[in-house]
Amino acid sequence: MSTLKDVLTTDMRAALKARDEMTTSTLRMALAAIGNAEVAGKEKRELTDDEVLGVLTKEAKKRREAATAFAEAGRAEQAAKETAEGEVLDRYLPKQLSDEELAELVSGALAQGAFTGKAQMGPAMKAAQAAVAGRAEGGRVAAEVRRQLG
């Protein structure tokens, strides 16, 4: 069975052969970020697919934030480049949950842990994040937990 990192490498090679510069540069950047994560810490290690997904999620979030910043600064060309890079990375990420699906998962996690008040926000967030499992951004999850606890 091939790992997500192997899939990224294979896709990058295919993009190189097809002379798709945007996909090639984006996947190179993603593989470099994965490599950096592998050597972070005391010794080099192979990342699991979940850890690779975490790295890709962070990179995609960076692209979205950069695109927003460039757009607000009036740099449309750079914003478009960042958006395109984000779209390339999105191909490898799990589909994001809709607001309804997120609300359902959060309410299930809160009911299972018997969380009731804002004082329990930390443990409630931990349970909600575990239920969501990377299929929604932390900010969206936090807003939904706050809404349901409040």
C-alpha atoms as a PDB file:
ATOM      1  CA  MET A   1       0.000   0.000   0.000  1.00  0.00           C
ATOM      2  CA  SER A   2       1.403   3.388  -0.930  1.00  0.00           C
ATOM      3  CA  THR A   3       1.571   6.210   1.553  1.00  0.00           C
ATOM      4  CA  LEU A   4       0.290   9.728   1.000  1.00  0.00           C
ATOM      5  CA  LYS A   5       3.887  10.927   0.663  1.00  0.00           C
ATOM      6  CA  ASP A   6       4.441   8.378  -2.147  1.00  0.00           C
ATOM      7  CA  VAL A   7       1.283   9.605  -3.883  1.00  0.00           C
ATOM      8  CA  LEU A   8       2.516  13.203  -3.665  1.00  0.00           C
ATOM      9  CA  THR A   9       5.899  12.220  -5.094  1.00  0.00           C
ATOM     10  CA  THR A  10       4.301  10.289  -7.961  1.00  0.00           C
ATOM     11  CA  ASP A  11       1.941  13.161  -8.743  1.00  0.00           C
ATOM     12  CA  MET A  12       4.831  15.629  -8.676  1.00  0.00           C
ATOM     13  CA  ARG A  13       6.747  13.516 -11.189  1.00  0.00           C
ATOM     14  CA  ALA A  14       3.669  13.370 -13.429  1.00  0.00           C
ATOM     15  CA  ALA A  15       3.267  17.160 -13.175  1.00  0.00           C
ATOM     16  CA  LEU A  16       6.957  17.600 -14.036  1.00  0.00           C
ATOM     17  CA  LYS A  17       6.550  15.467 -17.160  1.00  0.00           C
ATOM     18  CA  ALA A  18       3.396  17.379 -18.104  1.00  0.00           C
ATOM     19  CA  ARG A  19       5.261  20.681 -17.506  1.00  0.00           C
ATOM     20  CA  ASP A  20       2.572  21.815 -15.052  1.00  0.00           C
ATOM     21  CA  GLU A  21       4.631  24.394 -13.171  1.00  0.00           C
ATOM     22  CA  MET A  22       1.984  25.320 -10.568  1.00  0.00           C
ATOM     23  CA  THR A  23       1.360  21.718  -9.481  1.00  0.00           C
ATOM     24  CA  THR A  24       5.068  20.876  -9.580  1.00  0.00           C
ATOM     25  CA  SER A  25       6.116  23.827  -7.413  1.00  0.00           C
ATOM     26  CA  THR A  26       3.233  23.337  -4.973  1.00  0.00           C
ATOM     27  CA  LEU A  27       3.918  19.623  -4.499  1.00  0.00           C
ATOM     28  CA  ARG A  28       7.663  20.337  -4.147  1.00  0.00           C
ATOM     29  CA  MET A  29       6.832  22.824  -1.398  1.00  0.00           C
ATOM     30  CA  ALA A  30       4.536  20.288   0.290  1.00  0.00           C
ATOM     31  CA  LEU A  31       7.166  17.536   0.121  1.00  0.00           C
ATOM     32  CA  ALA A  32       9.760  19.944   1.558  1.00  0.00           C
ATOM     33  CA  ALA A  33       7.396  20.753   4.449  1.00  0.00           C
ATOM     34  CA  ILE A  34       6.902  17.016   5.040  1.00  0.00           C
ATOM     35  CA  GLY A  35      10.671  16.507   4.983  1.00  0.00           C
ATOM     36  CA  ASN A  36      11.116  19.314   7.516  1.00  0.00           C
ATOM     37  CA  ALA A  37       8.518  17.717   9.774  1.00  0.00           C
ATOM     38  CA  GLU A  38      10.301  14.361   9.477  1.00  0.00           C
ATOM     39  CA  VAL A  39      13.618  15.798  10.694  1.00  0.00           C
ATOM     40  CA  ALA A  40      12.084  17.973  13.409  1.00  0.00           C
ATOM     41  CA  GLY A  41      12.809  16.712  16.881  1.00  0.00           C
ATOM     42  CA  LYS A  42      15.693  14.633  18.161  1.00  0.00           C
ATOM     43  CA  GLU A  43      15.891  12.124  15.290  1.00  0.00           C
ATOM     44  CA  LYS A  44      14.580  11.649  11.759  1.00  0.00           C
ATOM     45  CA  ARG A  45      11.490   9.481  11.398  1.00  0.00           C
ATOM     46  CA  GLU A  46       8.861   8.574   8.815  1.00  0.00           C
ATOM     47  CA  LEU A  47       5.552  10.401   9.225  1.00  0.00           C
ATOM     48  CA  THR A  48       2.288   8.483   9.262  1.00  0.00           C
ATOM     49  CA  ASP A  49      -0.403   9.394   6.726  1.00  0.00           C
ATOM     50  CA  ASP A  50      -2.297  11.255   9.470  1.00  0.00           C
ATOM     51  CA  GLU A  51       0.790  13.319  10.272  1.00  0.00           C
ATOM     52  CA  VAL A  52       1.340  14.034   6.562  1.00  0.00           C
ATOM     53  CA  LEU A  53      -2.303  15.152   6.345  1.00  0.00           C
ATOM     54  CA  GLY A  54      -1.639  17.463   9.288  1.00  0.00           C
ATOM     55  CA  VAL A  55       1.322  19.029   7.466  1.00  0.00           C
ATOM     56  CA  LEU A  56      -0.726  19.428   4.274  1.00  0.00           C
ATOM     57  CA  THR A  57      -3.577  21.006   6.249  1.00  0.00           C
ATOM     58  CA  LYS A  58      -1.190  23.549   7.767  1.00  0.00           C
ATOM     59  CA  GLU A  59       0.261  24.356   4.351  1.00  0.00           C
ATOM     60  CA  ALA A  60      -3.208  24.775   2.821  1.00  0.00           C
ATOM     61  CA  LYS A  61      -4.194  27.084   5.687  1.00  0.00           C
ATOM     62  CA  LYS A  62      -1.041  29.157   5.112  1.00  0.00           C
ATOM     63  CA  ARG A  63      -2.015  29.512   1.444  1.00  0.00           C
ATOM     64  CA  ARG A  64      -5.567  30.648   2.304  1.00  0.00           C
ATOM     65  CA  GLU A  65      -4.278  33.202   4.829  1.00  0.00           C
ATOM     66  CA  ALA A  66      -1.626  34.478   2.414  1.00  0.00           C
ATOM     67  CA  ALA A  67      -4.182  34.786  -0.400  1.00  0.00           C
ATOM     68  CA  THR A  68      -6.437  36.847   1.890  1.00  0.00           C
ATOM     69  CA  ALA A  69      -3.539  39.077   2.947  1.00  0.00           C
ATOM     70  CA  PHE A  70      -2.408  39.645  -0.646  1.00  0.00           C
ATOM     71  CA  ALA A  71      -5.975  40.385  -1.787  1.00  0.00           C
ATOM     72  CA  GLU A  72      -6.425  42.937   1.012  1.00  0.00           C
ATOM     73  CA  ALA A  73      -3.115  44.543   0.034  1.00  0.00           C
ATOM     74  CA  GLY A  74      -4.279  44.869  -3.589  1.00  0.00           C
ATOM     75  CA  ARG A  75      -1.878  42.256  -4.960  1.00  0.00           C
ATOM     76  CA  ALA A  76      -4.376  40.230  -6.989  1.00  0.00           C
ATOM     77  CA  GLU A  77      -1.772  38.302  -9.006  1.00  0.00           C
ATOM     78  CA  GLN A  78       0.013  37.012  -5.888  1.00  0.00           C
ATOM     79  CA  ALA A  79      -3.360  36.261  -4.245  1.00  0.00           C
ATOM     80  CA  ALA A  80      -4.408  34.218  -7.286  1.00  0.00           C
ATOM     81  CA  LYS A  81      -1.131  32.246  -7.130  1.00  0.00           C
ATOM     82  CA  GLU A  82      -1.647  31.452  -3.431  1.00  0.00           C
ATOM     83  CA  THR A  83      -5.271  30.440  -4.086  1.00  0.00           C
ATOM     84  CA  ALA A  84      -4.172  28.128  -6.923  1.00  0.00           C
ATOM     85  CA  GLU A  85      -1.566  26.518  -4.648  1.00  0.00           C
ATOM     86  CA  GLY A  86      -4.251  26.007  -2.003  1.00  0.00           C
ATOM     87  CA  GLU A  87      -6.483  24.303  -4.567  1.00  0.00           C
ATOM     88  CA  VAL A  88      -3.668  21.906  -5.517  1.00  0.00           C
ATOM     89  CA  LEU A  89      -3.200  20.982  -1.841  1.00  0.00           C
ATOM     90  CA  ASP A  90      -6.965  20.621  -1.318  1.00  0.00           C
ATOM     91  CA  ARG A  91      -6.940  17.670  -3.735  1.00  0.00           C
ATOM     92  CA  TYR A  92      -5.054  15.650  -1.114  1.00  0.00           C
ATOM     93  CA  LEU A  93      -7.082  16.707   1.935  1.00  0.00           C
ATOM     94  CA  PRO A  94     -10.276  15.050   3.161  1.00  0.00           C
ATOM     95  CA  LYS A  95     -13.519  16.777   2.203  1.00  0.00           C
ATOM     96  CA  GLN A  96     -14.386  19.480   4.738  1.00  0.00           C
ATOM     97  CA  LEU A  97     -17.528  19.009   6.829  1.00  0.00           C
ATOM     98  CA  SER A  98     -20.585  21.141   6.133  1.00  0.00           C
ATOM     99  CA  ASP A  99     -21.898  23.360   8.948  1.00  0.00           C
ATOM    100  CA  GLU A 100     -24.731  20.888   9.622  1.00  0.00           C
ATOM    101  CA  GLU A 101     -22.388  17.885   9.771  1.00  0.00           C
ATOM    102  CA  LEU A 102     -20.032  19.820  12.052  1.00  0.00           C
ATOM    103  CA  ALA A 103     -22.883  20.819  14.396  1.00  0.00           C
ATOM    104  CA  GLU A 104     -24.053  17.188  14.538  1.00  0.00           C
ATOM    105  CA  LEU A 105     -20.583  15.799  15.366  1.00  0.00           C
ATOM    106  CA  VAL A 106     -19.923  18.494  17.977  1.00  0.00           C
ATOM    107  CA  SER A 107     -23.278  17.955  19.696  1.00  0.00           C
ATOM    108  CA  GLY A 108     -22.598  14.197  19.777  1.00  0.00           C
ATOM    109  CA  ALA A 109     -19.145  14.742  21.313  1.00  0.00           C
ATOM    110  CA  LEU A 110     -20.526  17.198  23.878  1.00  0.00           C
ATOM    111  CA  ALA A 111     -23.359  14.833  24.836  1.00  0.00           C
ATOM    112  CA  GLN A 112     -20.996  11.867  25.131  1.00  0.00           C
ATOM    113  CA  GLY A 113     -18.678  13.806  27.451  1.00  0.00           C
ATOM    114  CA  ALA A 114     -21.563  15.453  29.329  1.00  0.00           C
ATOM    115  CA  PHE A 115     -20.058  18.926  28.779  1.00  0.00           C
ATOM    116  CA  THR A 116     -22.488  21.697  29.714  1.00  0.00           C
ATOM    117  CA  GLY A 117     -20.856  25.052  30.452  1.00  0.00           C
ATOM    118  CA  LYS A 118     -18.209  27.380  29.070  1.00  0.00           C
ATOM    119  CA  ALA A 119     -15.964  26.415  31.982  1.00  0.00           C
ATOM    120  CA  GLN A 120     -15.501  23.042  30.263  1.00  0.00           C
ATOM    121  CA  MET A 121     -14.397  24.580  26.937  1.00  0.00           C
ATOM    122  CA  GLY A 122     -10.924  22.932  26.964  1.00  0.00           C
ATOM    123  CA  PRO A 123     -12.027  19.326  27.486  1.00  0.00           C
ATOM    124  CA  ALA A 124     -15.032  19.915  25.209  1.00  0.00           C
ATOM    125  CA  MET A 125     -12.733  21.163  22.416  1.00  0.00           C
ATOM    126  CA  LYS A 126     -10.499  18.119  22.817  1.00  0.00           C
ATOM    127  CA  ALA A 127     -13.488  15.789  22.445  1.00  0.00           C
ATOM    128  CA  ALA A 128     -14.893  17.771  19.509  1.00  0.00           C
ATOM    129  CA  GLN A 129     -11.539  17.850  17.679  1.00  0.00           C
ATOM    130  CA  ALA A 130     -11.240  14.080  18.111  1.00  0.00           C
ATOM    131  CA  ALA A 131     -14.735  13.607  16.650  1.00  0.00           C
ATOM    132  CA  VAL A 132     -14.066  15.931  13.724  1.00  0.00           C
ATOM    133  CA  ALA A 133     -10.651  14.343  13.009  1.00  0.00           C
ATOM    134  CA  GLY A 134      -9.211  17.097  10.816  1.00  0.00           C
ATOM    135  CA  ARG A 135     -12.233  17.480   8.559  1.00  0.00           C
ATOM    136  CA  ALA A 136     -12.873  21.062   9.714  1.00  0.00           C
ATOM    137  CA  GLU A 137     -10.623  23.926  10.748  1.00  0.00           C
ATOM    138  CA  GLY A 138     -10.058  24.458  14.447  1.00  0.00           C
ATOM    139  CA  GLY A 139     -11.638  27.916  14.347  1.00  0.00           C
ATOM    140  CA  ARG A 140     -14.880  26.538  12.949  1.00  0.00           C
ATOM    141  CA  VAL A 141     -14.904  23.755  15.542  1.00  0.00           C
ATOM    142  CA  ALA A 142     -14.213  26.211  18.382  1.00  0.00           C
ATOM    143  CA  ALA A 143     -17.015  28.526  17.215  1.00  0.00           C
ATOM    144  CA  GLU A 144     -19.480  25.625  17.097  1.00  0.00           C
ATOM    145  CA  VAL A 145     -18.431  24.331  20.550  1.00  0.00           C
ATOM    146  CA  ARG A 146     -18.764  27.854  21.971  1.00  0.00           C
ATOM    147  CA  ARG A 147     -22.205  28.224  20.363  1.00  0.00           C
ATOM    148  CA  GLN A 148     -23.458  24.908  21.772  1.00  0.00           C
ATOM    149  CA  LEU A 149     -21.978  25.429  25.253  1.00  0.00           C
ATOM    150  CA  GLY A 150     -23.163  29.039  25.486  1.00  0.00           C
END
